[in-house]
Amino acid sequence: MYKNIIRPLLFKLDPERVHYLTADTLKAAYKLPFTKGVSSSMFQVQDKRLERELFGLKFPNPVGLAAGFDKDARLIDELSNFGFGFIEIGTLTPKPQSGNPKPRLFRLPQDQAIINRMGFNNEGVDAAVERLRQRRSNIVVGGNIGKNKVTPNEEATSDYLYCFKALFDVVDYFVVNVSSPNTPDLRALQEKEPLQQLLLTLQEQNSKMAKPKPLLLKIAPDLNEPQLNDIIEIATEAKLSGLIATNTTISREKLTTADQQVTAMGAGGLSGKPLTQHSTQIIKYLRQHLPQETRIIGVGGIMSADDAIEKLDAGADLIQLYTGFIYEGPWLIKGINKKLLTR
């Protein structure tokens, strides 16, 4: 029903408008007494064999929602009924910011892909903290943190520290985002020296807490092998709990959408099916070279249950959906979990 009726209707509207329309609809629907039970019975697959224990946390299944969909933690309770094993909010910044000018979100249906240049639009970390304090579900929640656009890179650490301290009591794990292509110069923080300084500072703060939280790093798919080796070295030195591979790509290779149409969409990160194979290759490389205790969350082009299995077989411990969730709906989560039970 979703792919044949609902999605064609939604895809006639502006993508960003659809996102907020969907959020408002979910909010309204879940005020009805029967909605939670219906969606849970439709989408959730509960089985002990799906459970994963990582970072000292128990995940009911390995399929999570990637950062970007619920930036401001508005839909935690509603989305928890769609069968996800965990949800990642953000990217959050210390101060609210509107992000890049619109239009900034584009679909490429021929390629099962999305281009976005949102630019960390969010209401600020403190607003998200207040919502998280009021949530009712107990689903595992990750906090994806970044820096404000106006903050120069040499002062970025203070932004990440602010978000880390603010979120500490209301999330289960943290993700450091230095890999979005949509904030000017942000990816420069992936270079060895600034990244090392940032992660070690965060871990120093983490170690001061009564019970430190898992700290992960989200990396770009556009890194070359020497850069990946630097990431592996830094992750090991900083004793990161894991890496998330990968963020969106700036590449436009192998698209079937007309070049003129893609060019008109402009800059931004590409996600979806074109990223499937490359992100899996990066996961495989990381698994071969990282210490075994450093975990990997695989994300990028998971459009089917088979794509998810490939990520897990390549070395991912958990996976996340974003573009696949938009194109396939919550039935994709159920399909992945059911397929996992056949293995």
Protein backbone atom coordinates (compact mmCIF):
# COMPACT_ATOMS: atom_id res chain seq x y z
CA MET A 1 0.00 0.00 0.00
CA TYR A 2 2.79 2.43 0.90
CA LYS A 3 4.76 2.00 -2.34
CA ASN A 4 1.70 1.87 -4.62
CA ILE A 5 -0.56 4.49 -3.06
CA ILE A 6 0.94 6.54 -0.22
CA ARG A 7 4.44 7.15 -1.62
CA PRO A 8 3.28 8.31 -5.09
CA LEU A 9 1.02 10.86 -3.42
CA LEU A 10 3.71 12.09 -1.03
CA PHE A 11 6.28 12.30 -3.82
CA LYS A 12 4.09 14.83 -5.65
CA LEU A 13 4.79 17.32 -2.86
CA ASP A 14 7.96 19.19 -1.90
CA PRO A 15 10.21 16.78 0.05
CA GLU A 16 10.77 19.04 3.05
CA ARG A 17 7.08 19.88 3.25
CA VAL A 18 6.28 16.16 3.20
CA HIS A 19 8.68 15.56 6.08
CA TYR A 20 6.91 18.04 8.35
CA LEU A 21 3.49 16.94 7.15
CA THR A 22 4.39 13.35 8.04
CA ALA A 23 5.63 14.42 11.47
CA ASP A 24 2.43 16.36 12.19
CA THR A 25 0.30 13.44 11.00
CA LEU A 26 2.15 11.01 13.26
CA LYS A 27 1.74 13.34 16.22
CA ALA A 28 -1.99 13.61 15.61
CA ALA A 29 -2.48 9.90 14.92
CA TYR A 30 -0.73 8.81 18.12
CA LYS A 31 -3.12 10.83 20.22
CA LEU A 32 -5.74 8.22 19.31
CA PRO A 33 -5.89 5.33 21.82
CA PHE A 34 -5.58 2.48 19.30
CA THR A 35 -2.80 3.79 17.03
CA LYS A 36 0.12 2.60 19.10
CA GLY A 37 -1.21 -0.95 19.33
CA VAL A 38 -1.99 -1.13 15.62
CA SER A 39 1.40 0.10 14.45
CA SER A 40 3.24 -2.08 16.94
CA SER A 41 1.42 -5.18 15.74
CA MET A 42 2.03 -4.25 12.10
CA PHE A 43 5.73 -3.43 12.23
CA GLN A 44 7.44 -4.75 15.36
CA VAL A 45 9.21 -8.11 15.31
CA GLN A 46 10.03 -9.26 18.82
CA ASP A 47 12.41 -12.16 19.16
CA LYS A 48 15.34 -12.79 21.51
CA ARG A 49 17.45 -13.83 18.52
CA LEU A 50 17.38 -10.27 17.22
CA GLU A 51 18.79 -8.73 20.39
CA ARG A 52 22.27 -7.21 20.41
CA GLU A 53 24.34 -6.14 23.41
CA LEU A 54 26.87 -3.44 22.55
CA PHE A 55 28.52 -0.62 24.51
CA GLY A 56 26.80 -1.93 27.63
CA LEU A 57 23.41 -1.30 25.99
CA LYS A 58 20.75 -3.80 24.97
CA PHE A 59 19.25 -3.27 21.51
CA PRO A 60 16.03 -5.25 20.85
CA ASN A 61 17.09 -5.54 17.21
CA PRO A 62 19.96 -4.18 15.10
CA VAL A 63 17.92 -1.83 12.87
CA GLY A 64 18.08 1.83 13.84
CA LEU A 65 16.92 5.16 12.47
CA ALA A 66 19.81 7.36 11.36
CA ALA A 67 20.27 10.95 12.45
CA GLY A 68 18.55 13.57 10.32
CA PHE A 69 15.00 12.26 10.34
CA ASP A 70 14.10 13.31 13.89
CA LYS A 71 16.62 16.09 14.42
CA ASP A 72 14.86 17.73 17.35
CA ALA A 73 13.64 14.61 19.20
CA ARG A 74 10.00 15.38 18.43
CA LEU A 75 8.95 11.87 17.37
CA ILE A 76 10.78 9.45 19.67
CA ASP A 77 7.63 7.95 21.15
CA GLU A 78 5.83 7.67 17.81
CA LEU A 79 8.77 6.22 15.88
CA SER A 80 9.51 3.71 18.63
CA ASN A 81 6.41 1.80 17.51
CA PHE A 82 7.71 1.26 13.96
CA GLY A 83 10.01 -1.61 14.89
CA PHE A 84 13.30 0.25 15.25
CA GLY A 85 15.84 -1.10 17.71
CA PHE A 86 17.20 2.39 18.36
CA ILE A 87 16.82 5.99 17.20
CA GLU A 88 19.50 8.62 16.66
CA ILE A 89 18.48 12.26 16.99
CA GLY A 90 20.25 15.32 15.63
CA THR A 91 22.50 16.60 14.37
CA LEU A 92 22.10 19.08 17.25
CA THR A 93 24.06 22.29 17.77
CA PRO A 94 24.39 24.53 20.84
CA LYS A 95 22.32 27.37 19.37
CA PRO A 96 19.25 27.06 17.16
CA GLN A 97 19.91 27.60 13.47
CA SER A 98 17.69 27.67 10.41
CA GLY A 99 20.10 25.84 8.12
CA ASN A 100 20.69 26.54 4.46
CA PRO A 101 18.27 28.39 2.15
CA LYS A 102 15.39 26.43 0.62
CA PRO A 103 14.92 24.40 -1.51
CA ARG A 104 17.51 22.12 0.08
CA LEU A 105 16.05 18.61 -0.20
CA PHE A 106 15.62 16.76 -3.50
CA ARG A 107 14.47 13.30 -4.57
CA LEU A 108 16.04 11.27 -7.38
CA PRO A 109 13.41 8.51 -7.79
CA GLN A 110 15.19 6.88 -10.75
CA ASP A 111 18.21 6.33 -8.51
CA GLN A 112 16.31 5.70 -5.26
CA ALA A 113 18.31 8.55 -3.82
CA ILE A 114 18.06 11.90 -2.05
CA ILE A 115 20.25 15.00 -2.19
CA ASN A 116 20.14 17.27 0.85
CA ARG A 117 21.95 20.39 1.96
CA MET A 118 19.94 21.03 5.10
CA GLY A 119 22.85 22.52 7.03
CA PHE A 120 22.20 21.28 10.56
CA ASN A 121 18.81 23.01 10.83
CA ASN A 122 17.62 22.43 14.40
CA GLU A 123 16.08 24.19 17.38
CA GLY A 124 19.21 23.88 19.49
CA VAL A 125 20.29 21.18 21.90
CA ASP A 126 18.50 22.60 24.95
CA ALA A 127 15.08 22.30 23.28
CA ALA A 128 15.79 18.66 22.43
CA VAL A 129 16.88 17.96 26.00
CA GLU A 130 13.53 19.18 27.32
CA ARG A 131 11.65 16.89 24.95
CA LEU A 132 13.82 13.90 25.83
CA ARG A 133 13.12 14.44 29.51
CA GLN A 134 9.41 14.07 28.76
CA ARG A 135 9.51 11.01 26.48
CA ARG A 136 7.59 7.91 27.52
CA SER A 137 9.23 5.15 25.48
CA ASN A 138 12.40 3.41 26.64
CA ILE A 139 13.93 2.88 23.19
CA VAL A 140 17.71 3.35 22.96
CA VAL A 141 18.45 6.93 21.84
CA GLY A 142 21.70 8.27 20.41
CA GLY A 143 22.64 11.94 20.36
CA ASN A 144 24.34 13.17 17.20
CA ILE A 145 26.21 16.42 17.89
CA GLY A 146 27.80 19.11 15.73
CA LYS A 147 28.85 22.73 15.68
CA ASN A 148 27.01 25.88 14.72
CA LYS A 149 27.73 27.29 11.27
CA VAL A 150 29.00 30.59 12.74
CA THR A 151 31.49 28.83 15.02
CA PRO A 152 34.98 28.80 13.48
CA ASN A 153 36.69 25.41 13.34
CA GLU A 154 39.32 26.45 15.86
CA GLU A 155 36.51 26.93 18.41
CA ALA A 156 34.47 23.88 17.35
CA THR A 157 35.45 21.78 20.36
CA SER A 158 33.55 24.10 22.68
CA ASP A 159 30.35 23.53 20.65
CA TYR A 160 30.71 19.76 20.79
CA LEU A 161 31.43 19.90 24.53
CA TYR A 162 28.34 22.04 25.14
CA CYS A 163 26.12 19.55 23.34
CA PHE A 164 27.79 16.61 25.08
CA LYS A 165 27.21 18.03 28.55
CA ALA A 166 23.64 19.13 27.79
CA LEU A 167 22.59 15.73 26.41
CA PHE A 168 24.53 13.51 28.77
CA ASP A 169 21.68 12.55 31.08
CA VAL A 170 19.05 12.02 28.36
CA VAL A 171 20.74 9.93 25.64
CA ASP A 172 22.31 6.49 25.69
CA TYR A 173 25.24 7.10 23.34
CA PHE A 174 26.88 9.96 21.45
CA VAL A 175 27.87 10.44 17.82
CA VAL A 176 30.36 13.11 16.77
CA ASN A 177 29.42 14.45 13.33
CA VAL A 178 32.32 16.02 11.46
CA SER A 179 31.38 14.47 8.14
CA SER A 180 28.34 16.38 6.87
CA PRO A 181 29.11 18.13 3.57
CA ASN A 182 26.52 20.84 4.24
CA THR A 183 28.24 23.01 6.86
CA PRO A 184 31.15 25.03 5.43
CA ASP A 185 34.58 23.60 6.36
CA LEU A 186 33.09 21.03 8.75
CA ARG A 187 34.79 18.12 6.99
CA ALA A 188 38.16 19.75 7.67
CA LEU A 189 37.64 18.55 11.24
CA GLN A 190 38.14 14.99 9.93
CA GLU A 191 41.80 15.80 9.35
CA LYS A 192 44.09 14.04 11.77
CA GLU A 193 45.18 16.81 14.14
CA PRO A 194 41.84 18.61 14.74
CA LEU A 195 39.94 15.32 14.97
CA GLN A 196 42.41 13.92 17.46
CA GLN A 197 42.12 17.01 19.63
CA LEU A 198 38.31 17.03 19.46
CA LEU A 199 37.82 13.36 20.34
CA LEU A 200 40.41 13.28 23.11
CA THR A 201 38.83 16.36 24.69
CA LEU A 202 35.37 14.77 24.57
CA GLN A 203 36.69 11.55 26.04
CA GLU A 204 38.42 13.49 28.81
CA GLN A 205 35.07 15.04 29.71
CA ASN A 206 33.38 11.66 29.37
CA SER A 207 35.83 10.08 31.80
CA LYS A 208 34.90 12.64 34.46
CA MET A 209 31.30 11.45 34.50
CA ALA A 210 30.13 8.87 37.04
CA LYS A 211 29.27 6.46 34.23
CA PRO A 212 30.83 7.37 30.86
CA LYS A 213 28.67 7.04 27.75
CA PRO A 214 29.63 5.30 24.48
CA LEU A 215 31.22 7.78 22.06
CA LEU A 216 31.16 7.12 18.31
CA LEU A 217 32.37 9.00 15.25
CA LYS A 218 30.42 9.32 11.99
CA ILE A 219 32.66 9.38 8.92
CA ALA A 220 32.25 10.43 5.30
CA PRO A 221 32.25 7.95 2.43
CA ASP A 222 34.61 10.21 0.48
CA LEU A 223 37.74 9.45 2.51
CA ASN A 224 40.69 7.83 0.77
CA GLU A 225 42.64 4.93 2.25
CA PRO A 226 45.31 7.04 4.04
CA GLN A 227 42.53 9.15 5.58
CA LEU A 228 40.69 6.02 6.69
CA ASN A 229 43.91 4.77 8.26
CA ASP A 230 44.20 8.06 10.18
CA ILE A 231 40.61 7.64 11.38
CA ILE A 232 41.36 4.09 12.54
CA GLU A 233 44.46 5.27 14.41
CA ILE A 234 42.62 8.13 16.10
CA ALA A 235 39.60 5.97 16.98
CA THR A 236 41.91 3.48 18.64
CA GLU A 237 43.90 6.13 20.50
CA ALA A 238 40.75 7.90 21.71
CA LYS A 239 39.20 4.57 22.72
CA LEU A 240 36.03 5.27 20.76
CA SER A 241 33.21 2.79 21.22
CA GLY A 242 32.62 2.71 17.49
CA LEU A 243 32.39 4.30 14.07
CA ILE A 244 29.32 5.02 11.95
CA ALA A 245 30.01 4.38 8.28
CA THR A 246 28.92 6.35 6.38
CA ASN A 247 27.45 9.82 6.01
CA THR A 248 26.22 11.19 2.67
CA THR A 249 28.58 11.56 -0.30
CA ILE A 250 29.46 14.57 -2.46
CA SER A 251 30.00 12.22 -5.42
CA ARG A 252 27.52 12.17 -8.30
CA GLU A 253 28.96 9.13 -10.07
CA LYS A 254 26.82 6.40 -11.66
CA LEU A 255 23.52 8.27 -11.42
CA THR A 256 20.84 7.56 -14.01
CA THR A 257 19.04 10.85 -13.38
CA ALA A 258 19.84 13.32 -16.17
CA ASP A 259 23.01 15.35 -15.55
CA GLN A 260 21.16 18.59 -16.21
CA GLN A 261 18.58 17.74 -13.56
CA VAL A 262 21.23 16.76 -11.00
CA THR A 263 23.21 19.93 -11.69
CA ALA A 264 20.08 22.03 -11.18
CA MET A 265 19.65 20.49 -7.72
CA GLY A 266 23.03 21.90 -6.74
CA ALA A 267 25.36 21.01 -3.89
CA GLY A 268 24.55 18.63 -1.06
CA GLY A 269 25.05 15.15 0.27
CA LEU A 270 23.75 12.22 -1.76
CA SER A 271 22.18 9.28 0.07
CA GLY A 272 20.36 6.13 -0.98
CA LYS A 273 21.01 3.34 -3.45
CA PRO A 274 24.05 4.91 -5.19
CA LEU A 275 25.88 4.70 -1.86
CA THR A 276 25.06 1.07 -1.10
CA GLN A 277 28.14 -0.65 -2.45
CA HIS A 278 30.70 1.97 -1.48
CA SER A 279 29.58 2.25 2.14
CA THR A 280 29.70 -1.55 2.42
CA GLN A 281 33.28 -1.54 1.12
CA ILE A 282 34.25 1.01 3.76
CA ILE A 283 32.64 -1.08 6.48
CA LYS A 284 34.60 -4.11 5.30
CA TYR A 285 37.88 -2.14 5.35
CA LEU A 286 37.20 -0.76 8.82
CA ARG A 287 36.34 -4.18 10.22
CA GLN A 288 39.60 -5.61 8.87
CA HIS A 289 41.71 -2.89 10.50
CA LEU A 290 39.89 -1.78 13.66
CA PRO A 291 40.31 -3.51 17.02
CA GLN A 292 37.50 -6.02 17.47
CA GLU A 293 36.11 -4.14 20.46
CA THR A 294 35.53 -1.04 18.29
CA ARG A 295 32.04 -1.49 16.91
CA ILE A 296 30.65 -0.40 13.54
CA ILE A 297 27.20 0.94 12.71
CA GLY A 298 26.56 0.56 9.00
CA VAL A 299 24.48 3.12 7.13
CA GLY A 300 24.26 4.16 3.50
CA GLY A 301 21.98 2.83 0.80
CA ILE A 302 20.12 0.17 2.77
CA MET A 303 17.07 -0.12 0.53
CA SER A 304 16.22 -3.79 1.10
CA ALA A 305 16.68 -6.65 3.55
CA ASP A 306 19.47 -7.99 1.33
CA ASP A 307 21.32 -4.66 1.55
CA ALA A 308 21.08 -4.85 5.33
CA ILE A 309 22.43 -8.40 5.41
CA GLU A 310 25.37 -7.33 3.22
CA LYS A 311 26.24 -4.55 5.68
CA LEU A 312 26.12 -6.95 8.62
CA ASP A 313 28.13 -9.59 6.77
CA ALA A 314 30.73 -6.93 5.90
CA GLY A 315 31.30 -6.32 9.61
CA ALA A 316 28.61 -3.95 10.84
CA ASP A 317 27.27 -4.72 14.31
CA LEU A 318 24.18 -2.54 13.86
CA ILE A 319 22.65 -0.76 10.89
CA GLN A 320 20.70 2.45 10.34
CA LEU A 321 18.11 3.54 7.79
CA TYR A 322 17.23 6.93 6.40
CA THR A 323 16.63 7.09 2.65
CA GLY A 324 15.44 3.47 2.59
CA PHE A 325 12.88 4.35 5.26
CA ILE A 326 11.57 7.18 3.07
CA TYR A 327 11.39 5.08 -0.10
CA GLU A 328 10.19 1.80 1.42
CA GLY A 329 8.34 2.85 4.58
CA PRO A 330 8.34 1.03 7.94
CA TRP A 331 7.79 -2.30 6.18
CA LEU A 332 11.53 -2.24 5.43
CA ILE A 333 12.35 -2.49 9.15
CA LYS A 334 10.05 -5.46 9.55
CA GLY A 335 11.42 -7.09 6.40
CA ILE A 336 15.02 -6.83 7.61
CA ASN A 337 14.24 -8.26 11.04
CA LYS A 338 12.22 -11.12 9.60
CA LYS A 339 15.00 -11.96 7.17
CA LEU A 340 17.54 -11.97 10.00
CA LEU A 341 15.45 -14.61 11.76
CA THR A 342 15.78 -16.94 8.76
CA ARG A 343 19.57 -16.99 8.98
